[in-house]
């Protein structure tokens, strides 16, 4: 009966207990699925769990839009296409 570490070691030495090699978990399928998702596959209506707002919040869209517009205004201001008063009314 193997009820102690010493007994286990003895059984290992005698060859009654053998250590199996570790199984290899290939990530090739996961990699292929990830590539397909990056291309836009597997993202139909049936695959979506969160609401539209949860997946891409309107606040983030708004922030992106405002940042782009403000960058454009800054560029116009530096190029003297508009003055600072016009900039303030546009923001």
PDB file of N, CA and C in Angstrom:
ATOM      1  N   UNK A   1       0.852  -1.192   0.000  1.00  0.00           N
ATOM      2  CA  UNK A   1       0.000   0.000   0.000  1.00  0.00           C
ATOM      3  C   UNK A   1       0.888   1.242   0.000  1.00  0.00           C
ATOM      4  N   UNK A   2       0.604   2.158  -0.931  1.00  0.00           N
ATOM      5  CA  UNK A   2       1.409   3.361  -1.055  1.00  0.00           C
ATOM      6  C   UNK A   2       0.786   4.462  -0.219  1.00  0.00           C
ATOM      7  N   UNK A   3       1.082   4.449   1.080  1.00  0.00           N
ATOM      8  CA  UNK A   3       0.485   5.448   1.968  1.00  0.00           C
ATOM      9  C   UNK A   3       1.502   6.474   2.455  1.00  0.00           C
ATOM     10  N   UNK A   4       2.692   6.476   1.882  1.00  0.00           N
ATOM     11  CA  UNK A   4       3.674   7.488   2.264  1.00  0.00           C
ATOM     12  C   UNK A   4       4.518   7.848   1.041  1.00  0.00           C
ATOM     13  N   UNK A   5       5.190   8.962   1.153  1.00  0.00           N
ATOM     14  CA  UNK A   5       6.038   9.409   0.049  1.00  0.00           C
ATOM     15  C   UNK A   5       7.151   8.403  -0.223  1.00  0.00           C
ATOM     16  N   UNK A   6       7.641   7.828   0.856  1.00  0.00           N
ATOM     17  CA  UNK A   6       8.734   6.868   0.719  1.00  0.00           C
ATOM     18  C   UNK A   6       8.277   5.640  -0.077  1.00  0.00           C
ATOM     19  N   UNK A   7       7.071   5.168   0.229  1.00  0.00           N
ATOM     20  CA  UNK A   7       6.532   4.018  -0.514  1.00  0.00           C
ATOM     21  C   UNK A   7       6.332   4.359  -1.994  1.00  0.00           C
ATOM     22  N   UNK A   8       5.866   5.581  -2.239  1.00  0.00           N
ATOM     23  CA  UNK A   8       5.673   6.023  -3.627  1.00  0.00           C
ATOM     24  C   UNK A   8       7.010   6.032  -4.353  1.00  0.00           C
ATOM     25  N   UNK A   9       8.038   6.586  -3.696  1.00  0.00           N
ATOM     26  CA  UNK A   9       9.367   6.636  -4.312  1.00  0.00           C
ATOM     27  C   UNK A   9       9.870   5.235  -4.645  1.00  0.00           C
ATOM     28  N   UNK A  10       9.603   4.291  -3.745  1.00  0.00           N
ATOM     29  CA  UNK A  10      10.037   2.901  -3.957  1.00  0.00           C
ATOM     30  C   UNK A  10       9.319   2.305  -5.168  1.00  0.00           C
ATOM     31  N   UNK A  11       8.000   2.570  -5.254  1.00  0.00           N
ATOM     32  CA  UNK A  11       7.227   2.052  -6.389  1.00  0.00           C
ATOM     33  C   UNK A  11       7.697   2.669  -7.714  1.00  0.00           C
ATOM     34  N   UNK A  12       8.088   3.951  -7.656  1.00  0.00           N
ATOM     35  CA  UNK A  12       8.613   4.605  -8.852  1.00  0.00           C
ATOM     36  C   UNK A  12       9.925   3.949  -9.254  1.00  0.00           C
ATOM     37  N   UNK A  13      10.776   3.702  -8.267  1.00  0.00           N
ATOM     38  CA  UNK A  13      12.083   3.104  -8.541  1.00  0.00           C
ATOM     39  C   UNK A  13      11.941   1.688  -9.102  1.00  0.00           C
ATOM     40  N   UNK A  14      10.966   0.951  -8.577  1.00  0.00           N
ATOM     41  CA  UNK A  14      10.742  -0.424  -9.046  1.00  0.00           C
ATOM     42  C   UNK A  14      10.059  -0.472 -10.414  1.00  0.00           C
ATOM     43  N   UNK A  15       9.490   0.660 -10.834  1.00  0.00           N
ATOM     44  CA  UNK A  15       8.862   0.707 -12.153  1.00  0.00           C
ATOM     45  C   UNK A  15       7.371   0.434 -12.137  1.00  0.00           C
ATOM     46  N   UNK A  16       6.777   0.337 -10.952  1.00  0.00           N
ATOM     47  CA  UNK A  16       5.327   0.115 -10.873  1.00  0.00           C
ATOM     48  C   UNK A  16       4.546   1.401 -11.176  1.00  0.00           C
ATOM     49  N   UNK A  17       5.166   2.524 -10.851  1.00  0.00           N
ATOM     50  CA  UNK A  17       4.550   3.814 -11.150  1.00  0.00           C
ATOM     51  C   UNK A  17       5.426   4.504 -12.184  1.00  0.00           C
ATOM     52  N   UNK A  18       4.816   4.905 -13.294  1.00  0.00           N
ATOM     53  CA  UNK A  18       5.581   5.612 -14.326  1.00  0.00           C
ATOM     54  C   UNK A  18       4.957   6.984 -14.549  1.00  0.00           C
ATOM     55  N   UNK A  19       5.796   7.917 -14.914  1.00  0.00           N
ATOM     56  CA  UNK A  19       5.303   9.265 -15.195  1.00  0.00           C
ATOM     57  C   UNK A  19       5.006   9.363 -16.687  1.00  0.00           C
ATOM     58  N   UNK A  20       3.769   9.687 -16.978  1.00  0.00           N
ATOM     59  CA  UNK A  20       3.386   9.835 -18.379  1.00  0.00           C
ATOM     60  C   UNK A  20       3.861  11.196 -18.891  1.00  0.00           C
ATOM     61  N   UNK A  21       4.185  11.286 -20.176  1.00  0.00           N
ATOM     62  CA  UNK A  21       4.559  12.598 -20.723  1.00  0.00           C
ATOM     63  C   UNK A  21       3.348  13.522 -20.750  1.00  0.00           C
ATOM     64  N   UNK A  22       3.613  14.810 -20.579  1.00  0.00           N
ATOM     65  CA  UNK A  22       2.518  15.772 -20.571  1.00  0.00           C
ATOM     66  C   UNK A  22       1.893  15.864 -21.954  1.00  0.00           C
ATOM     67  N   UNK A  23       0.565  15.992 -21.974  1.00  0.00           N
ATOM     68  CA  UNK A  23      -0.141  16.133 -23.248  1.00  0.00           C
ATOM     69  C   UNK A  23       0.096  17.542 -23.789  1.00  0.00           C
ATOM     70  N   UNK A  24       0.226  17.638 -25.092  1.00  0.00           N
ATOM     71  CA  UNK A  24       0.444  18.934 -25.727  1.00  0.00           C
ATOM     72  C   UNK A  24      -0.892  19.450 -26.236  1.00  0.00           C
ATOM     73  N   UNK A  25      -1.238  20.685 -25.851  1.00  0.00           N
ATOM     74  CA  UNK A  25      -2.477  21.307 -26.303  1.00  0.00           C
ATOM     75  C   UNK A  25      -2.121  22.273 -27.430  1.00  0.00           C
ATOM     76  N   UNK A  26      -2.454  21.879 -28.636  1.00  0.00           N
ATOM     77  CA  UNK A  26      -2.125  22.702 -29.793  1.00  0.00           C
ATOM     78  C   UNK A  26      -3.036  23.921 -29.861  1.00  0.00           C
ATOM     79  N   UNK A  27      -2.440  25.069 -30.150  1.00  0.00           N
ATOM     80  CA  UNK A  27      -3.222  26.302 -30.270  1.00  0.00           C
ATOM     81  C   UNK A  27      -3.527  26.642 -31.727  1.00  0.00           C
ATOM     82  N   UNK A  28      -3.262  25.695 -32.630  1.00  0.00           N
ATOM     83  CA  UNK A  28      -3.441  26.002 -34.054  1.00  0.00           C
ATOM     84  C   UNK A  28      -4.889  26.323 -34.381  1.00  0.00           C
ATOM     85  N   UNK A  29      -5.834  25.576 -33.802  1.00  0.00           N
ATOM     86  CA  UNK A  29      -7.256  25.834 -34.072  1.00  0.00           C
ATOM     87  C   UNK A  29      -7.662  27.192 -33.513  1.00  0.00           C
ATOM     88  N   UNK A  30      -7.170  27.510 -32.315  1.00  0.00           N
ATOM     89  CA  UNK A  30      -7.493  28.797 -31.688  1.00  0.00           C
ATOM     90  C   UNK A  30      -6.933  29.943 -32.527  1.00  0.00           C
ATOM     91  N   UNK A  31      -5.722  29.764 -33.034  1.00  0.00           N
ATOM     92  CA  UNK A  31      -5.087  30.787 -33.859  1.00  0.00           C
ATOM     93  C   UNK A  31      -5.878  31.023 -35.144  1.00  0.00           C
ATOM     94  N   UNK A  32      -6.312  29.898 -35.747  1.00  0.00           N
ATOM     95  CA  UNK A  32      -7.075  29.995 -36.995  1.00  0.00           C
ATOM     96  C   UNK A  32      -8.411  30.712 -36.760  1.00  0.00           C
ATOM     97  N   UNK A  33      -9.076  30.389 -35.652  1.00  0.00           N
ATOM     98  CA  UNK A  33     -10.354  31.026 -35.309  1.00  0.00           C
ATOM     99  C   UNK A  33     -10.153  32.516 -35.050  1.00  0.00           C
ATOM    100  N   UNK A  34      -9.050  32.863 -34.381  1.00  0.00           N
ATOM    101  CA  UNK A  34      -8.757  34.270 -34.079  1.00  0.00           C
ATOM    102  C   UNK A  34      -8.534  35.063 -35.367  1.00  0.00           C
ATOM    103  N   UNK A  35      -7.798  34.462 -36.311  1.00  0.00           N
ATOM    104  CA  UNK A  35      -7.566  35.117 -37.601  1.00  0.00           C
ATOM    105  C   UNK A  35      -8.879  35.357 -38.331  1.00  0.00           C
ATOM    106  N   UNK A  36      -9.772  34.344 -38.289  1.00  0.00           N
ATOM    107  CA  UNK A  36     -11.072  34.476 -38.949  1.00  0.00           C
ATOM    108  C   UNK A  36     -11.882  35.597 -38.307  1.00  0.00           C
ATOM    109  N   UNK A  37     -11.816  35.695 -36.964  1.00  0.00           N
ATOM    110  CA  UNK A  37     -12.551  36.753 -36.264  1.00  0.00           C
ATOM    111  C   UNK A  37     -12.006  38.122 -36.636  1.00  0.00           C
ATOM    112  N   UNK A  38     -10.690  38.216 -36.796  1.00  0.00           N
ATOM    113  CA  UNK A  38     -10.090  39.490 -37.189  1.00  0.00           C
ATOM    114  C   UNK A  38     -10.558  39.908 -38.576  1.00  0.00           C
ATOM    115  N   UNK A  39     -10.811  38.901 -39.435  1.00  0.00           N
ATOM    116  CA  UNK A  39     -11.322  39.187 -40.781  1.00  0.00           C
ATOM    117  C   UNK A  39     -12.793  39.572 -40.754  1.00  0.00           C
ATOM    118  N   UNK A  40     -13.471  39.274 -39.633  1.00  0.00           N
ATOM    119  CA  UNK A  40     -14.876  39.656 -39.508  1.00  0.00           C
ATOM    120  C   UNK A  40     -15.837  38.483 -39.562  1.00  0.00           C
ATOM    121  N   UNK A  41     -15.312  37.265 -39.612  1.00  0.00           N
ATOM    122  CA  UNK A  41     -16.181  36.084 -39.620  1.00  0.00           C
ATOM    123  C   UNK A  41     -16.638  35.783 -38.187  1.00  0.00           C
ATOM    124  N   UNK A  42     -17.634  34.962 -38.051  1.00  0.00           N
ATOM    125  CA  UNK A  42     -18.180  34.531 -36.745  1.00  0.00           C
ATOM    126  C   UNK A  42     -18.621  35.717 -35.891  1.00  0.00           C
ATOM    127  N   UNK A  43     -19.167  36.740 -36.514  1.00  0.00           N
ATOM    128  CA  UNK A  43     -19.602  37.893 -35.721  1.00  0.00           C
ATOM    129  C   UNK A  43     -20.998  38.345 -36.146  1.00  0.00           C
ATOM    130  N   UNK A  44     -21.828  37.383 -36.548  1.00  0.00           N
ATOM    131  CA  UNK A  44     -23.198  37.701 -36.955  1.00  0.00           C
ATOM    132  C   UNK A  44     -24.072  37.989 -35.750  1.00  0.00           C
ATOM    133  N   UNK A  45     -25.354  38.222 -36.003  1.00  0.00           N
ATOM    134  CA  UNK A  45     -26.277  38.571 -34.925  1.00  0.00           C
ATOM    135  C   UNK A  45     -26.354  37.473 -33.867  1.00  0.00           C
ATOM    136  N   UNK A  46     -26.254  36.232 -34.272  1.00  0.00           N
ATOM    137  CA  UNK A  46     -26.364  35.119 -33.323  1.00  0.00           C
ATOM    138  C   UNK A  46     -25.197  35.000 -32.367  1.00  0.00           C
ATOM    139  N   UNK A  47     -24.068  35.593 -32.726  1.00  0.00           N
ATOM    140  CA  UNK A  47     -22.864  35.492 -31.892  1.00  0.00           C
ATOM    141  C   UNK A  47     -22.741  36.633 -30.893  1.00  0.00           C
ATOM    142  N   UNK A  48     -23.608  37.623 -30.994  1.00  0.00           N
ATOM    143  CA  UNK A  48     -23.461  38.824 -30.162  1.00  0.00           C
ATOM    144  C   UNK A  48     -24.170  38.643 -28.834  1.00  0.00           C
ATOM    145  N   UNK A  49     -23.437  38.868 -27.747  1.00  0.00           N
ATOM    146  CA  UNK A  49     -24.000  38.695 -26.409  1.00  0.00           C
ATOM    147  C   UNK A  49     -24.435  40.027 -25.806  1.00  0.00           C
ATOM    148  N   UNK A  50     -23.582  41.024 -25.892  1.00  0.00           N
ATOM    149  CA  UNK A  50     -23.896  42.321 -25.287  1.00  0.00           C
ATOM    150  C   UNK A  50     -24.769  43.175 -26.196  1.00  0.00           C
ATOM    151  N   UNK A  51     -25.350  44.212 -25.612  1.00  0.00           N
ATOM    152  CA  UNK A  51     -26.135  45.160 -26.406  1.00  0.00           C
ATOM    153  C   UNK A  51     -25.192  45.966 -27.289  1.00  0.00           C
ATOM    154  N   UNK A  52     -25.766  46.680 -28.229  1.00  0.00           N
ATOM    155  CA  UNK A  52     -24.952  47.504 -29.121  1.00  0.00           C
ATOM    156  C   UNK A  52     -24.161  48.525 -28.308  1.00  0.00           C
ATOM    157  N   UNK A  53     -24.815  49.065 -27.291  1.00  0.00           N
ATOM    158  CA  UNK A  53     -24.181  50.069 -26.426  1.00  0.00           C
ATOM    159  C   UNK A  53     -23.020  49.464 -25.639  1.00  0.00           C
ATOM    160  N   UNK A  54     -23.167  48.223 -25.220  1.00  0.00           N
ATOM    161  CA  UNK A  54     -22.112  47.564 -24.444  1.00  0.00           C
ATOM    162  C   UNK A  54     -20.920  47.214 -25.333  1.00  0.00           C
ATOM    163  N   UNK A  55     -21.207  46.870 -26.576  1.00  0.00           N
ATOM    164  CA  UNK A  55     -20.133  46.464 -27.477  1.00  0.00           C
ATOM    165  C   UNK A  55     -19.313  47.655 -27.974  1.00  0.00           C
ATOM    166  N   UNK A  56     -19.976  48.758 -28.267  1.00  0.00           N
ATOM    167  CA  UNK A  56     -19.277  49.977 -28.682  1.00  0.00           C
ATOM    168  C   UNK A  56     -20.093  51.169 -28.208  1.00  0.00           C
ATOM    169  N   UNK A  57     -19.774  51.705 -27.028  1.00  0.00           N
ATOM    170  CA  UNK A  57     -20.581  52.773 -26.433  1.00  0.00           C
ATOM    171  C   UNK A  57     -20.642  54.023 -27.314  1.00  0.00           C
ATOM    172  N   UNK A  58     -21.818  54.643 -27.317  1.00  0.00           N
ATOM    173  CA  UNK A  58     -21.992  55.867 -28.103  1.00  0.00           C
ATOM    174  C   UNK A  58     -21.117  56.984 -27.552  1.00  0.00           C
ATOM    175  N   UNK A  59     -20.827  56.924 -26.254  1.00  0.00           N
ATOM    176  CA  UNK A  59     -19.957  57.933 -25.637  1.00  0.00           C
ATOM    177  C   UNK A  59     -18.565  57.891 -26.269  1.00  0.00           C
ATOM    178  N   UNK A  60     -18.061  56.686 -26.481  1.00  0.00           N
ATOM    179  CA  UNK A  60     -16.725  56.547 -27.079  1.00  0.00           C
ATOM    180  C   UNK A  60     -16.746  57.062 -28.519  1.00  0.00           C
ATOM    181  N   UNK A  61     -17.823  56.736 -29.249  1.00  0.00           N
ATOM    182  CA  UNK A  61     -17.957  57.247 -30.616  1.00  0.00           C
ATOM    183  C   UNK A  61     -17.968  58.775 -30.618  1.00  0.00           C
ATOM    184  N   UNK A  62     -18.706  59.339 -29.681  1.00  0.00           N
ATOM    185  CA  UNK A  62     -18.800  60.797 -29.544  1.00  0.00           C
ATOM    186  C   UNK A  62     -17.425  61.398 -29.254  1.00  0.00           C
ATOM    187  N   UNK A  63     -16.705  60.767 -28.305  1.00  0.00           N
ATOM    188  CA  UNK A  63     -15.375  61.267 -27.941  1.00  0.00           C
ATOM    189  C   UNK A  63     -14.429  61.234 -29.144  1.00  0.00           C
ATOM    190  N   UNK A  64     -14.468  60.135 -29.895  1.00  0.00           N
ATOM    191  CA  UNK A  64     -13.614  60.029 -31.083  1.00  0.00           C
ATOM    192  C   UNK A  64     -13.936  61.140 -32.077  1.00  0.00           C
ATOM    193  N   UNK A  65     -15.235  61.325 -32.315  1.00  0.00           N
ATOM    194  CA  UNK A  65     -15.674  62.333 -33.281  1.00  0.00           C
ATOM    195  C   UNK A  65     -15.223  63.721 -32.851  1.00  0.00           C
ATOM    196  N   UNK A  66     -15.419  64.032 -31.563  1.00  0.00           N
ATOM    197  CA  UNK A  66     -15.050  65.352 -31.053  1.00  0.00           C
ATOM    198  C   UNK A  66     -13.542  65.579 -31.133  1.00  0.00           C
ATOM    199  N   UNK A  67     -12.763  64.553 -30.841  1.00  0.00           N
ATOM    200  CA  UNK A  67     -11.304  64.698 -30.897  1.00  0.00           C
ATOM    201  C   UNK A  67     -10.838  64.979 -32.325  1.00  0.00           C
ATOM    202  N   UNK A  68     -11.455  64.259 -33.281  1.00  0.00           N
ATOM    203  CA  UNK A  68     -11.099  64.480 -34.687  1.00  0.00           C
ATOM    204  C   UNK A  68     -11.432  65.909 -35.093  1.00  0.00           C
ATOM    205  N   UNK A  69     -12.647  66.355 -34.735  1.00  0.00           N
ATOM    206  CA  UNK A  69     -13.071  67.712 -35.105  1.00  0.00           C
ATOM    207  C   UNK A  69     -12.200  68.773 -34.440  1.00  0.00           C
ATOM    208  N   UNK A  70     -11.849  68.551 -33.182  1.00  0.00           N
ATOM    209  CA  UNK A  70     -11.007  69.531 -32.479  1.00  0.00           C
ATOM    210  C   UNK A  70      -9.606  69.593 -33.075  1.00  0.00           C
ATOM    211  N   UNK A  71      -9.084  68.425 -33.488  1.00  0.00           N
ATOM    212  CA  UNK A  71      -7.780  68.414 -34.166  1.00  0.00           C
ATOM    213  C   UNK A  71      -7.842  69.228 -35.458  1.00  0.00           C
ATOM    214  N   UNK A  72      -8.948  69.037 -36.187  1.00  0.00           N
ATOM    215  CA  UNK A  72      -9.139  69.757 -37.446  1.00  0.00           C
ATOM    216  C   UNK A  72      -9.227  71.263 -37.203  1.00  0.00           C
ATOM    217  N   UNK A  73      -9.984  71.653 -36.170  1.00  0.00           N
ATOM    218  CA  UNK A  73     -10.102  73.078 -35.829  1.00  0.00           C
ATOM    219  C   UNK A  73      -8.742  73.668 -35.461  1.00  0.00           C
ATOM    220  N   UNK A  74      -7.958  72.904 -34.695  1.00  0.00           N
ATOM    221  CA  UNK A  74      -6.633  73.366 -34.294  1.00  0.00           C
ATOM    222  C   UNK A  74      -5.753  73.583 -35.524  1.00  0.00           C
ATOM    223  N   UNK A  75      -5.855  72.627 -36.466  1.00  0.00           N
ATOM    224  CA  UNK A  75      -5.067  72.732 -37.693  1.00  0.00           C
ATOM    225  C   UNK A  75      -5.469  73.975 -38.492  1.00  0.00           C
ATOM    226  N   UNK A  76      -6.788  74.209 -38.587  1.00  0.00           N
ATOM    227  CA  UNK A  76      -7.282  75.382 -39.305  1.00  0.00           C
ATOM    228  C   UNK A  76      -6.842  76.675 -38.622  1.00  0.00           C
ATOM    229  N   UNK A  77      -6.842  76.661 -37.294  1.00  0.00           N
ATOM    230  CA  UNK A  77      -6.444  77.841 -36.531  1.00  0.00           C
ATOM    231  C   UNK A  77      -4.965  78.153 -36.760  1.00  0.00           C
ATOM    232  N   UNK A  78      -4.133  77.109 -36.760  1.00  0.00           N
ATOM    233  CA  UNK A  78      -2.700  77.308 -36.991  1.00  0.00           C
ATOM    234  C   UNK A  78      -2.421  77.762 -38.420  1.00  0.00           C
ATOM    235  N   UNK A  79      -3.250  77.277 -39.364  1.00  0.00           N
ATOM    236  CA  UNK A  79      -3.072  77.658 -40.771  1.00  0.00           C
ATOM    237  C   UNK A  79      -3.737  78.997 -41.079  1.00  0.00           C
ATOM    238  N   UNK A  80      -4.296  79.650 -40.057  1.00  0.00           N
ATOM    239  CA  UNK A  80      -4.965  80.947 -40.170  1.00  0.00           C
ATOM    240  C   UNK A  80      -6.176  80.912 -41.114  1.00  0.00           C
ATOM    241  N   UNK A  81      -6.803  79.742 -41.233  1.00  0.00           N
ATOM    242  CA  UNK A  81      -8.021  79.651 -42.045  1.00  0.00           C
ATOM    243  C   UNK A  81      -9.213  80.188 -41.257  1.00  0.00           C
ATOM    244  N   UNK A  82      -9.152  80.034 -39.928  1.00  0.00           N
ATOM    245  CA  UNK A  82     -10.199  80.580 -39.057  1.00  0.00           C
ATOM    246  C   UNK A  82      -9.531  81.321 -37.903  1.00  0.00           C
ATOM    247  N   UNK A  83     -10.267  82.232 -37.271  1.00  0.00           N
ATOM    248  CA  UNK A  83      -9.705  82.941 -36.115  1.00  0.00           C
ATOM    249  C   UNK A  83     -10.183  82.278 -34.827  1.00  0.00           C
ATOM    250  N   UNK A  84      -9.670  82.757 -33.685  1.00  0.00           N
ATOM    251  CA  UNK A  84      -9.971  82.096 -32.413  1.00  0.00           C
ATOM    252  C   UNK A  84     -11.435  82.236 -32.016  1.00  0.00           C
ATOM    253  N   UNK A  85     -12.092  83.310 -32.479  1.00  0.00           N
ATOM    254  CA  UNK A  85     -13.514  83.478 -32.155  1.00  0.00           C
ATOM    255  C   UNK A  85     -14.357  82.416 -32.862  1.00  0.00           C
ATOM    256  N   UNK A  86     -14.007  82.153 -34.114  1.00  0.00           N
ATOM    257  CA  UNK A  86     -14.709  81.115 -34.874  1.00  0.00           C
ATOM    258  C   UNK A  86     -14.466  79.746 -34.238  1.00  0.00           C
ATOM    259  N   UNK A  87     -13.237  79.524 -33.768  1.00  0.00           N
ATOM    260  CA  UNK A  87     -12.900  78.255 -33.117  1.00  0.00           C
ATOM    261  C   UNK A  87     -13.775  78.037 -31.892  1.00  0.00           C
ATOM    262  N   UNK A  88     -13.946  79.087 -31.104  1.00  0.00           N
ATOM    263  CA  UNK A  88     -14.735  78.951 -29.879  1.00  0.00           C
ATOM    264  C   UNK A  88     -16.211  78.705 -30.179  1.00  0.00           C
ATOM    265  N   UNK A  89     -16.714  79.299 -31.262  1.00  0.00           N
ATOM    266  CA  UNK A  89     -18.128  79.058 -31.595  1.00  0.00           C
ATOM    267  C   UNK A  89     -18.333  77.655 -32.153  1.00  0.00           C
ATOM    268  N   UNK A  90     -17.297  77.088 -32.771  1.00  0.00           N
ATOM    269  CA  UNK A  90     -17.421  75.745 -33.363  1.00  0.00           C
ATOM    270  C   UNK A  90     -17.319  74.633 -32.321  1.00  0.00           C
ATOM    271  N   UNK A  91     -16.628  74.877 -31.208  1.00  0.00           N
ATOM    272  CA  UNK A  91     -16.456  73.807 -30.215  1.00  0.00           C
ATOM    273  C   UNK A  91     -17.645  73.699 -29.291  1.00  0.00           C
TER     274      UNK A  91
END
